[in-house]
N, C-alpha and C. Protein backbone atom coordinates (compact mmCIF):
# COMPACT_ATOMS: atom_id res chain seq x y z
N MET A 1 68.93 4.57 91.96
CA MET A 1 68.72 3.33 92.73
C MET A 1 69.58 3.32 94.00
N ALA A 2 70.81 3.80 93.90
CA ALA A 2 71.71 3.81 95.07
C ALA A 2 71.15 4.70 96.17
N GLN A 3 70.55 5.83 95.82
CA GLN A 3 69.98 6.72 96.82
C GLN A 3 68.80 6.05 97.52
N GLN A 4 68.01 5.33 96.80
CA GLN A 4 66.84 4.68 97.37
C GLN A 4 67.27 3.65 98.42
N GLN A 5 68.35 2.93 98.15
CA GLN A 5 68.81 1.93 99.11
C GLN A 5 69.32 2.58 100.38
N GLN A 6 69.95 3.75 100.28
CA GLN A 6 70.47 4.42 101.48
C GLN A 6 69.34 4.87 102.40
N GLN A 7 68.20 5.21 101.84
CA GLN A 7 67.10 5.70 102.64
C GLN A 7 66.38 4.58 103.39
N GLN A 8 66.51 3.36 102.93
CA GLN A 8 65.82 2.25 103.58
C GLN A 8 66.47 1.95 104.93
N PRO A 9 65.67 1.85 106.00
CA PRO A 9 66.25 1.63 107.31
C PRO A 9 66.69 0.18 107.56
N VAL A 10 66.30 -0.74 106.70
CA VAL A 10 66.68 -2.14 106.91
C VAL A 10 67.50 -2.64 105.72
N GLN A 11 68.28 -3.68 106.00
CA GLN A 11 69.05 -4.33 104.93
C GLN A 11 68.25 -5.55 104.52
N LYS A 12 67.70 -5.52 103.34
CA LYS A 12 66.73 -6.55 102.92
C LYS A 12 67.35 -7.93 102.69
N ASN A 13 68.67 -8.02 102.64
CA ASN A 13 69.25 -9.35 102.45
C ASN A 13 69.95 -9.86 103.72
N THR A 14 69.90 -9.07 104.81
CA THR A 14 70.49 -9.51 106.08
C THR A 14 69.37 -9.69 107.09
N LEU A 15 69.37 -10.84 107.75
CA LEU A 15 68.36 -11.16 108.75
C LEU A 15 68.94 -11.15 110.15
N TYR A 16 68.18 -10.62 111.08
CA TYR A 16 68.49 -10.72 112.50
C TYR A 16 67.81 -11.99 112.98
N VAL A 17 68.55 -12.86 113.67
CA VAL A 17 67.99 -14.11 114.20
C VAL A 17 68.17 -14.09 115.70
N GLY A 18 67.08 -13.92 116.44
CA GLY A 18 67.13 -13.86 117.89
C GLY A 18 66.61 -15.12 118.53
N GLY A 19 66.96 -15.32 119.82
CA GLY A 19 66.48 -16.47 120.57
C GLY A 19 67.29 -17.72 120.34
N LEU A 20 68.58 -17.55 120.03
CA LEU A 20 69.43 -18.73 119.76
C LEU A 20 69.78 -19.46 121.05
N ALA A 21 69.75 -20.77 121.00
CA ALA A 21 70.18 -21.59 122.13
C ALA A 21 71.70 -21.49 122.25
N GLU A 22 72.22 -21.78 123.45
CA GLU A 22 73.66 -21.68 123.69
C GLU A 22 74.47 -22.58 122.76
N GLU A 23 73.90 -23.75 122.41
CA GLU A 23 74.64 -24.72 121.60
C GLU A 23 74.81 -24.27 120.14
N VAL A 24 73.97 -23.32 119.70
CA VAL A 24 74.00 -22.92 118.30
C VAL A 24 75.25 -22.09 118.02
N ASN A 25 75.99 -22.51 116.97
CA ASN A 25 77.15 -21.73 116.55
C ASN A 25 76.92 -21.27 115.12
N GLU A 26 77.89 -20.60 114.52
CA GLU A 26 77.70 -20.06 113.18
C GLU A 26 77.46 -21.15 112.14
N SER A 27 78.11 -22.31 112.30
CA SER A 27 77.92 -23.36 111.30
C SER A 27 76.52 -23.98 111.41
N ILE A 28 75.99 -24.12 112.62
CA ILE A 28 74.63 -24.63 112.80
C ILE A 28 73.62 -23.62 112.24
N LEU A 29 73.86 -22.32 112.50
CA LEU A 29 72.99 -21.27 111.98
C LEU A 29 73.01 -21.27 110.45
N HIS A 30 74.19 -21.46 109.89
CA HIS A 30 74.36 -21.54 108.43
C HIS A 30 73.55 -22.72 107.88
N ALA A 31 73.68 -23.88 108.53
CA ALA A 31 72.97 -25.09 108.09
C ALA A 31 71.45 -24.92 108.18
N ALA A 32 70.98 -24.16 109.19
CA ALA A 32 69.54 -23.98 109.36
C ALA A 32 68.95 -23.09 108.27
N PHE A 33 69.76 -22.15 107.74
CA PHE A 33 69.23 -21.18 106.78
C PHE A 33 69.63 -21.45 105.32
N ILE A 34 70.56 -22.38 105.08
CA ILE A 34 71.01 -22.66 103.71
C ILE A 34 69.91 -23.18 102.79
N PRO A 35 68.88 -23.89 103.30
CA PRO A 35 67.84 -24.37 102.39
C PRO A 35 67.10 -23.25 101.63
N PHE A 36 67.20 -22.02 102.12
CA PHE A 36 66.46 -20.91 101.50
C PHE A 36 67.25 -20.19 100.41
N GLY A 37 68.56 -20.46 100.31
CA GLY A 37 69.34 -19.81 99.26
C GLY A 37 70.80 -19.66 99.66
N ASP A 38 71.58 -19.11 98.73
CA ASP A 38 73.01 -18.94 98.98
C ASP A 38 73.25 -17.89 100.06
N ILE A 39 74.09 -18.27 101.02
CA ILE A 39 74.39 -17.39 102.16
C ILE A 39 75.75 -16.74 101.94
N LYS A 40 75.79 -15.44 102.13
CA LYS A 40 77.02 -14.68 101.97
C LYS A 40 77.82 -14.67 103.27
N ASP A 41 77.12 -14.54 104.42
CA ASP A 41 77.82 -14.39 105.70
C ASP A 41 76.91 -14.78 106.86
N VAL A 42 77.51 -15.32 107.92
CA VAL A 42 76.81 -15.63 109.16
C VAL A 42 77.66 -15.10 110.30
N LYS A 43 77.02 -14.35 111.21
CA LYS A 43 77.74 -13.81 112.37
C LYS A 43 76.93 -14.05 113.63
N THR A 44 77.61 -14.43 114.69
CA THR A 44 77.00 -14.48 116.02
C THR A 44 77.91 -13.67 116.93
N PRO A 45 77.61 -12.40 117.18
CA PRO A 45 78.46 -11.56 118.02
C PRO A 45 78.67 -12.18 119.39
N LEU A 46 79.91 -12.12 119.86
CA LEU A 46 80.26 -12.73 121.14
C LEU A 46 80.21 -11.72 122.27
N ASP A 47 79.83 -12.20 123.44
CA ASP A 47 79.91 -11.40 124.66
C ASP A 47 81.38 -11.37 125.06
N GLN A 48 81.93 -10.20 125.27
CA GLN A 48 83.36 -10.08 125.57
C GLN A 48 83.75 -10.80 126.86
N ALA A 49 82.86 -10.79 127.85
CA ALA A 49 83.19 -11.40 129.14
C ALA A 49 83.17 -12.92 129.07
N THR A 50 82.12 -13.49 128.47
CA THR A 50 81.96 -14.95 128.49
C THR A 50 82.49 -15.64 127.23
N GLN A 51 82.73 -14.87 126.18
CA GLN A 51 83.16 -15.39 124.88
C GLN A 51 82.12 -16.35 124.29
N LYS A 52 80.86 -16.21 124.71
CA LYS A 52 79.76 -16.96 124.12
C LYS A 52 78.89 -15.97 123.35
N HIS A 53 78.13 -16.48 122.37
CA HIS A 53 77.28 -15.55 121.62
C HIS A 53 76.18 -15.01 122.54
N ARG A 54 75.61 -13.89 122.16
CA ARG A 54 74.65 -13.18 123.00
C ARG A 54 73.22 -13.56 122.63
N SER A 55 72.98 -14.78 122.21
CA SER A 55 71.68 -15.38 121.86
C SER A 55 71.03 -14.75 120.63
N PHE A 56 71.85 -14.12 119.78
CA PHE A 56 71.34 -13.67 118.49
C PHE A 56 72.46 -13.71 117.47
N GLY A 57 72.06 -13.65 116.21
CA GLY A 57 73.04 -13.68 115.13
C GLY A 57 72.48 -13.01 113.89
N PHE A 58 73.31 -12.93 112.85
CA PHE A 58 72.91 -12.33 111.59
C PHE A 58 73.23 -13.28 110.45
N VAL A 59 72.30 -13.42 109.53
CA VAL A 59 72.50 -14.26 108.34
C VAL A 59 72.30 -13.35 107.13
N THR A 60 73.34 -13.25 106.28
CA THR A 60 73.25 -12.41 105.09
C THR A 60 73.17 -13.30 103.86
N PHE A 61 72.09 -13.15 103.11
CA PHE A 61 71.89 -13.90 101.88
C PHE A 61 72.40 -13.10 100.69
N LEU A 62 72.73 -13.79 99.60
CA LEU A 62 73.13 -13.11 98.37
C LEU A 62 71.93 -12.43 97.73
N GLU A 63 70.75 -13.04 97.84
CA GLU A 63 69.54 -12.51 97.20
C GLU A 63 68.51 -12.09 98.24
N LYS A 64 67.87 -10.97 97.99
CA LYS A 64 66.83 -10.46 98.89
C LYS A 64 65.65 -11.43 98.99
N GLU A 65 65.31 -12.04 97.86
CA GLU A 65 64.17 -12.96 97.84
C GLU A 65 64.42 -14.15 98.76
N ASP A 66 65.67 -14.64 98.79
CA ASP A 66 66.02 -15.76 99.67
C ASP A 66 65.88 -15.35 101.14
N ALA A 67 66.35 -14.13 101.44
CA ALA A 67 66.24 -13.63 102.82
C ALA A 67 64.77 -13.53 103.22
N SER A 68 63.94 -13.04 102.31
CA SER A 68 62.51 -12.91 102.59
C SER A 68 61.87 -14.27 102.85
N ALA A 69 62.22 -15.25 102.02
CA ALA A 69 61.68 -16.61 102.20
C ALA A 69 62.14 -17.21 103.52
N ALA A 70 63.40 -16.99 103.87
CA ALA A 70 63.94 -17.52 105.13
C ALA A 70 63.22 -16.88 106.32
N MET A 71 63.00 -15.57 106.23
CA MET A 71 62.31 -14.88 107.33
C MET A 71 60.89 -15.41 107.47
N ASP A 72 60.18 -15.55 106.37
CA ASP A 72 58.80 -16.04 106.42
C ASP A 72 58.72 -17.44 107.02
N ASN A 73 59.69 -18.28 106.71
CA ASN A 73 59.65 -19.68 107.16
C ASN A 73 60.26 -19.90 108.54
N MET A 74 61.27 -19.10 108.90
CA MET A 74 62.01 -19.38 110.13
C MET A 74 61.54 -18.56 111.34
N ASP A 75 60.83 -17.46 111.12
CA ASP A 75 60.34 -16.66 112.25
C ASP A 75 59.31 -17.48 113.01
N GLY A 76 59.57 -17.73 114.28
CA GLY A 76 58.68 -18.56 115.10
C GLY A 76 59.02 -20.03 115.06
N ALA A 77 60.01 -20.42 114.24
CA ALA A 77 60.43 -21.83 114.18
C ALA A 77 61.31 -22.16 115.39
N GLU A 78 61.47 -23.46 115.65
CA GLU A 78 62.31 -23.89 116.77
C GLU A 78 63.66 -24.36 116.27
N LEU A 79 64.70 -24.03 117.03
CA LEU A 79 66.05 -24.52 116.75
C LEU A 79 66.68 -24.85 118.10
N TYR A 80 67.02 -26.11 118.28
CA TYR A 80 67.57 -26.59 119.55
C TYR A 80 66.63 -26.26 120.71
N GLY A 81 65.33 -26.40 120.50
CA GLY A 81 64.36 -26.21 121.57
C GLY A 81 64.00 -24.76 121.87
N LYS A 82 64.56 -23.83 121.14
CA LYS A 82 64.26 -22.40 121.38
C LYS A 82 63.53 -21.83 120.18
N VAL A 83 62.54 -20.97 120.43
CA VAL A 83 61.78 -20.33 119.36
C VAL A 83 62.58 -19.14 118.82
N LEU A 84 62.74 -19.11 117.51
CA LEU A 84 63.52 -18.04 116.88
C LEU A 84 62.65 -16.83 116.55
N THR A 85 63.29 -15.67 116.60
CA THR A 85 62.69 -14.43 116.12
C THR A 85 63.54 -14.01 114.93
N VAL A 86 62.92 -13.90 113.77
CA VAL A 86 63.68 -13.56 112.56
C VAL A 86 63.06 -12.32 111.92
N ASN A 87 63.89 -11.27 111.79
CA ASN A 87 63.47 -10.00 111.19
C ASN A 87 64.57 -9.53 110.26
N TYR A 88 64.23 -8.52 109.45
CA TYR A 88 65.29 -7.86 108.69
C TYR A 88 66.19 -7.13 109.68
N ALA A 89 67.49 -7.18 109.43
CA ALA A 89 68.44 -6.53 110.33
C ALA A 89 68.51 -5.04 110.03
N LEU A 90 68.70 -4.26 111.09
CA LEU A 90 68.95 -2.83 110.91
C LEU A 90 70.41 -2.65 110.54
N PRO A 91 70.76 -1.59 109.80
CA PRO A 91 72.16 -1.39 109.44
C PRO A 91 73.01 -1.17 110.69
N GLU A 92 74.28 -1.54 110.60
CA GLU A 92 75.19 -1.35 111.74
C GLU A 92 75.31 0.12 112.02
N ARG A 93 75.38 0.44 113.31
CA ARG A 93 75.48 1.84 113.69
C ARG A 93 76.58 2.00 114.73
N ILE A 94 77.21 3.14 114.70
CA ILE A 94 78.27 3.44 115.66
C ILE A 94 77.81 4.64 116.47
N LYS A 95 77.85 4.52 117.80
CA LYS A 95 77.39 5.60 118.67
C LYS A 95 78.36 6.76 118.60
N GLY A 96 77.80 7.96 118.62
CA GLY A 96 78.65 9.14 118.72
C GLY A 96 78.02 10.32 118.05
N GLY A 97 78.36 11.47 118.54
CA GLY A 97 77.89 12.69 117.90
C GLY A 97 76.51 13.09 118.34
N GLU A 98 76.22 14.37 118.24
CA GLU A 98 74.92 14.93 118.63
C GLU A 98 73.81 14.36 117.77
N GLN A 99 74.11 13.95 116.53
CA GLN A 99 73.08 13.46 115.62
C GLN A 99 72.64 12.05 116.01
N GLY A 100 73.13 11.51 117.09
CA GLY A 100 72.72 10.18 117.51
C GLY A 100 73.71 9.15 117.00
N TRP A 101 73.23 8.25 116.17
CA TRP A 101 74.09 7.20 115.66
C TRP A 101 74.79 7.72 114.41
N ALA A 102 76.08 7.82 114.47
CA ALA A 102 76.84 8.35 113.35
C ALA A 102 78.28 7.85 113.46
N ALA A 103 79.00 7.93 112.37
CA ALA A 103 80.39 7.49 112.38
C ALA A 103 81.29 8.68 112.74
N GLN A 104 81.02 9.27 113.91
CA GLN A 104 81.88 10.35 114.36
C GLN A 104 82.28 10.06 115.80
N PRO A 105 83.37 10.64 116.24
CA PRO A 105 83.85 10.34 117.60
C PRO A 105 82.87 10.82 118.67
N ILE A 106 82.94 10.18 119.83
CA ILE A 106 82.01 10.45 120.92
C ILE A 106 82.13 11.89 121.40
N TRP A 107 83.33 12.49 121.28
CA TRP A 107 83.53 13.87 121.76
C TRP A 107 83.03 14.91 120.76
N ALA A 108 82.48 14.48 119.64
CA ALA A 108 82.00 15.42 118.62
C ALA A 108 80.86 16.29 119.13
N ASP A 109 80.14 15.84 120.14
CA ASP A 109 79.03 16.65 120.65
C ASP A 109 79.38 17.36 121.95
N ALA A 110 80.67 17.53 122.23
CA ALA A 110 81.10 18.18 123.48
C ALA A 110 80.54 19.59 123.61
N ASP A 111 80.56 20.37 122.52
CA ASP A 111 80.05 21.74 122.59
C ASP A 111 78.57 21.77 122.95
N THR A 112 77.79 20.91 122.35
CA THR A 112 76.36 20.89 122.65
C THR A 112 76.10 20.32 124.04
N TRP A 113 77.01 19.48 124.55
CA TRP A 113 76.86 18.95 125.90
C TRP A 113 76.89 20.09 126.90
N PHE A 114 77.83 21.01 126.74
CA PHE A 114 77.92 22.14 127.66
C PHE A 114 76.66 23.01 127.58
N GLU A 115 76.14 23.20 126.38
CA GLU A 115 74.92 23.98 126.20
C GLU A 115 73.74 23.28 126.89
N ARG A 116 73.64 21.95 126.74
CA ARG A 116 72.57 21.21 127.40
C ARG A 116 72.70 21.31 128.92
N GLN A 117 73.95 21.24 129.43
CA GLN A 117 74.18 21.37 130.87
C GLN A 117 73.71 22.74 131.36
N ARG A 118 74.06 23.80 130.59
CA ARG A 118 73.67 25.16 130.96
C ARG A 118 72.15 25.27 130.99
N GLN A 119 71.48 24.70 129.98
CA GLN A 119 70.02 24.75 129.93
C GLN A 119 69.40 23.99 131.11
N GLN A 120 70.00 22.85 131.46
CA GLN A 120 69.49 22.07 132.59
C GLN A 120 69.64 22.86 133.89
N GLU A 121 70.80 23.53 134.07
CA GLU A 121 71.01 24.33 135.28
C GLU A 121 70.01 25.48 135.35
N GLU A 122 69.72 26.10 134.21
CA GLU A 122 68.74 27.19 134.16
C GLU A 122 67.35 26.66 134.54
N MET A 123 66.98 25.47 134.00
CA MET A 123 65.69 24.87 134.34
C MET A 123 65.62 24.57 135.83
N ASP A 124 66.71 24.03 136.39
CA ASP A 124 66.75 23.72 137.83
C ASP A 124 66.57 24.99 138.66
N ARG A 125 67.23 26.09 138.23
CA ARG A 125 67.14 27.37 138.95
C ARG A 125 65.70 27.89 138.92
N ILE A 126 65.07 27.84 137.75
CA ILE A 126 63.69 28.32 137.62
C ILE A 126 62.75 27.48 138.48
N GLN A 127 62.95 26.16 138.47
CA GLN A 127 62.10 25.29 139.27
C GLN A 127 62.28 25.58 140.76
N ALA A 128 63.53 25.86 141.18
CA ALA A 128 63.79 26.18 142.59
C ALA A 128 63.09 27.50 142.96
N GLU A 129 63.15 28.49 142.07
CA GLU A 129 62.46 29.76 142.32
C GLU A 129 60.95 29.54 142.42
N ASN A 130 60.41 28.71 141.52
CA ASN A 130 58.97 28.43 141.56
C ASN A 130 58.58 27.73 142.86
N ARG A 131 59.42 26.78 143.29
CA ARG A 131 59.12 26.08 144.55
C ARG A 131 59.16 27.06 145.72
N ALA A 132 60.15 27.96 145.74
CA ALA A 132 60.26 28.94 146.82
C ALA A 132 59.05 29.86 146.81
N ALA A 133 58.62 30.31 145.63
CA ALA A 133 57.44 31.19 145.53
C ALA A 133 56.19 30.47 146.02
N MET A 134 56.06 29.18 145.65
CA MET A 134 54.89 28.41 146.08
C MET A 134 54.90 28.24 147.60
N GLN A 135 56.07 27.98 148.18
CA GLN A 135 56.17 27.82 149.63
C GLN A 135 55.82 29.13 150.34
N ALA A 136 56.31 30.26 149.79
CA ALA A 136 56.01 31.56 150.39
C ALA A 136 54.51 31.85 150.32
N ALA A 137 53.89 31.55 149.17
CA ALA A 137 52.45 31.77 149.02
C ALA A 137 51.67 30.87 149.98
N ASP A 138 52.11 29.63 150.11
CA ASP A 138 51.46 28.68 151.00
C ASP A 138 51.56 29.16 152.45
N GLU A 139 52.74 29.64 152.84
CA GLU A 139 52.97 30.13 154.19
C GLU A 139 52.09 31.36 154.47
N LEU A 140 52.01 32.26 153.48
CA LEU A 140 51.17 33.45 153.61
C LEU A 140 49.70 33.05 153.78
N HIS A 141 49.26 32.07 153.00
CA HIS A 141 47.89 31.57 153.09
C HIS A 141 47.62 30.99 154.49
N ARG A 142 48.58 30.22 155.00
CA ARG A 142 48.41 29.61 156.33
C ARG A 142 48.28 30.69 157.40
N LYS A 143 49.14 31.72 157.31
CA LYS A 143 49.09 32.81 158.29
C LYS A 143 47.74 33.52 158.23
N LYS A 144 47.25 33.78 157.00
CA LYS A 144 45.98 34.46 156.83
C LYS A 144 44.85 33.63 157.44
N MET A 145 44.87 32.31 157.16
CA MET A 145 43.85 31.42 157.72
C MET A 145 43.93 31.41 159.25
N ALA A 146 45.14 31.40 159.79
CA ALA A 146 45.31 31.40 161.25
C ALA A 146 44.77 32.70 161.84
N GLN A 147 45.04 33.83 161.16
CA GLN A 147 44.53 35.12 161.65
C GLN A 147 43.00 35.14 161.63
N GLU A 148 42.41 34.59 160.58
CA GLU A 148 40.96 34.55 160.49
C GLU A 148 40.38 33.70 161.62
N ARG A 149 41.04 32.57 161.90
CA ARG A 149 40.56 31.72 163.00
C ARG A 149 40.70 32.46 164.34
N GLU A 150 41.80 33.19 164.51
CA GLU A 150 41.98 33.97 165.74
C GLU A 150 40.89 35.03 165.84
N GLY A 151 40.57 35.65 164.70
CA GLY A 151 39.51 36.67 164.68
C GLY A 151 38.18 36.08 165.08
N GLU A 152 37.87 34.87 164.62
CA GLU A 152 36.61 34.20 164.98
C GLU A 152 36.58 33.95 166.48
N LYS A 153 37.72 33.53 167.03
CA LYS A 153 37.78 33.26 168.47
C LYS A 153 37.54 34.54 169.26
N GLU A 154 38.14 35.65 168.78
CA GLU A 154 37.95 36.93 169.46
C GLU A 154 36.49 37.33 169.42
N ASP A 155 35.84 37.12 168.25
CA ASP A 155 34.42 37.46 168.15
C ASP A 155 33.60 36.63 169.13
N GLU A 156 33.90 35.35 169.26
CA GLU A 156 33.18 34.48 170.18
C GLU A 156 33.38 34.94 171.61
N MET A 157 34.63 35.37 171.90
CA MET A 157 34.93 35.82 173.26
C MET A 157 34.12 37.06 173.58
N GLU A 158 34.02 38.00 172.64
CA GLU A 158 33.27 39.22 172.86
C GLU A 158 31.80 38.90 173.10
N ILE A 159 31.24 37.96 172.33
CA ILE A 159 29.84 37.58 172.49
C ILE A 159 29.60 37.00 173.87
N LYS A 160 30.53 36.15 174.34
CA LYS A 160 30.36 35.52 175.65
C LYS A 160 30.41 36.57 176.76
N ASP A 161 31.22 37.59 176.56
CA ASP A 161 31.37 38.61 177.60
C ASP A 161 30.13 39.51 177.69
N ASP A 162 29.45 39.76 176.54
CA ASP A 162 28.31 40.68 176.51
C ASP A 162 27.03 39.84 176.47
N PRO A 163 26.23 39.88 177.54
CA PRO A 163 25.02 39.05 177.59
C PRO A 163 24.02 39.44 176.51
N MET A 164 23.94 40.70 176.10
CA MET A 164 23.00 41.14 175.09
C MET A 164 23.38 40.56 173.73
N GLU A 165 24.68 40.59 173.40
CA GLU A 165 25.13 40.04 172.12
C GLU A 165 24.94 38.53 172.08
N ARG A 166 25.14 37.90 173.23
CA ARG A 166 24.95 36.46 173.31
C ARG A 166 23.49 36.11 173.01
N ALA A 167 22.59 36.85 173.55
CA ALA A 167 21.17 36.61 173.34
C ALA A 167 20.80 36.84 171.87
N GLU A 168 21.36 37.90 171.26
CA GLU A 168 21.09 38.17 169.85
C GLU A 168 21.63 37.04 168.96
N ALA A 169 22.82 36.54 169.29
CA ALA A 169 23.42 35.47 168.52
C ALA A 169 22.56 34.21 168.57
N GLU A 170 21.99 33.93 169.76
CA GLU A 170 21.14 32.74 169.92
C GLU A 170 19.86 32.88 169.10
N VAL A 171 19.29 34.10 169.09
CA VAL A 171 18.07 34.35 168.33
C VAL A 171 18.37 34.17 166.84
N LEU A 172 19.50 34.71 166.38
CA LEU A 172 19.89 34.56 164.97
C LEU A 172 20.04 33.10 164.60
N LYS A 173 20.65 32.33 165.49
CA LYS A 173 20.82 30.89 165.22
C LYS A 173 19.46 30.21 165.09
N GLN A 174 18.51 30.54 165.99
CA GLN A 174 17.21 29.91 165.95
C GLN A 174 16.43 30.31 164.71
N ASN A 175 16.54 31.56 164.29
CA ASN A 175 15.85 32.02 163.09
C ASN A 175 16.40 31.38 161.82
N SER A 176 17.69 31.16 161.80
CA SER A 176 18.30 30.57 160.60
C SER A 176 18.04 29.06 160.53
N SER A 177 17.67 28.44 161.65
CA SER A 177 17.42 27.00 161.65
C SER A 177 16.11 26.64 161.04
């Protein structure tokens, strides 16, 4: 049973309550949710700068069934003129480590950071080489096109200079029309 609870991504007896009005404090939140069952804990995390709650809180019930009933009844309900969002809370997580959210120090992924940096530099180098190759190919194509246009002009010049070729060119044009 203990293993099964660890695999669950949500805490079935703790609710996330979002959309709290500024006036709502922990005691008001407690009073709003007590009709559904015994409450173990109520928290409204504070913003460090303003020392006001960040418009959400957590309500932990003793029984999962009470939390479920509270969520069903309070999600979308109004409290102090604001519509509440009530869901099961995700477990607390601490940032750090290559594995994402884990209880390890932030420097735990330092070795992999250097590897990621090296890979990024390699990708940047390859992309720069590809861009240079594309520019060279584009430049070569432009030169070839310019030479072909110059060749066409030379052909036209030769035709204009030779009256016989000019006459043949006109006949060819008329026949193809």
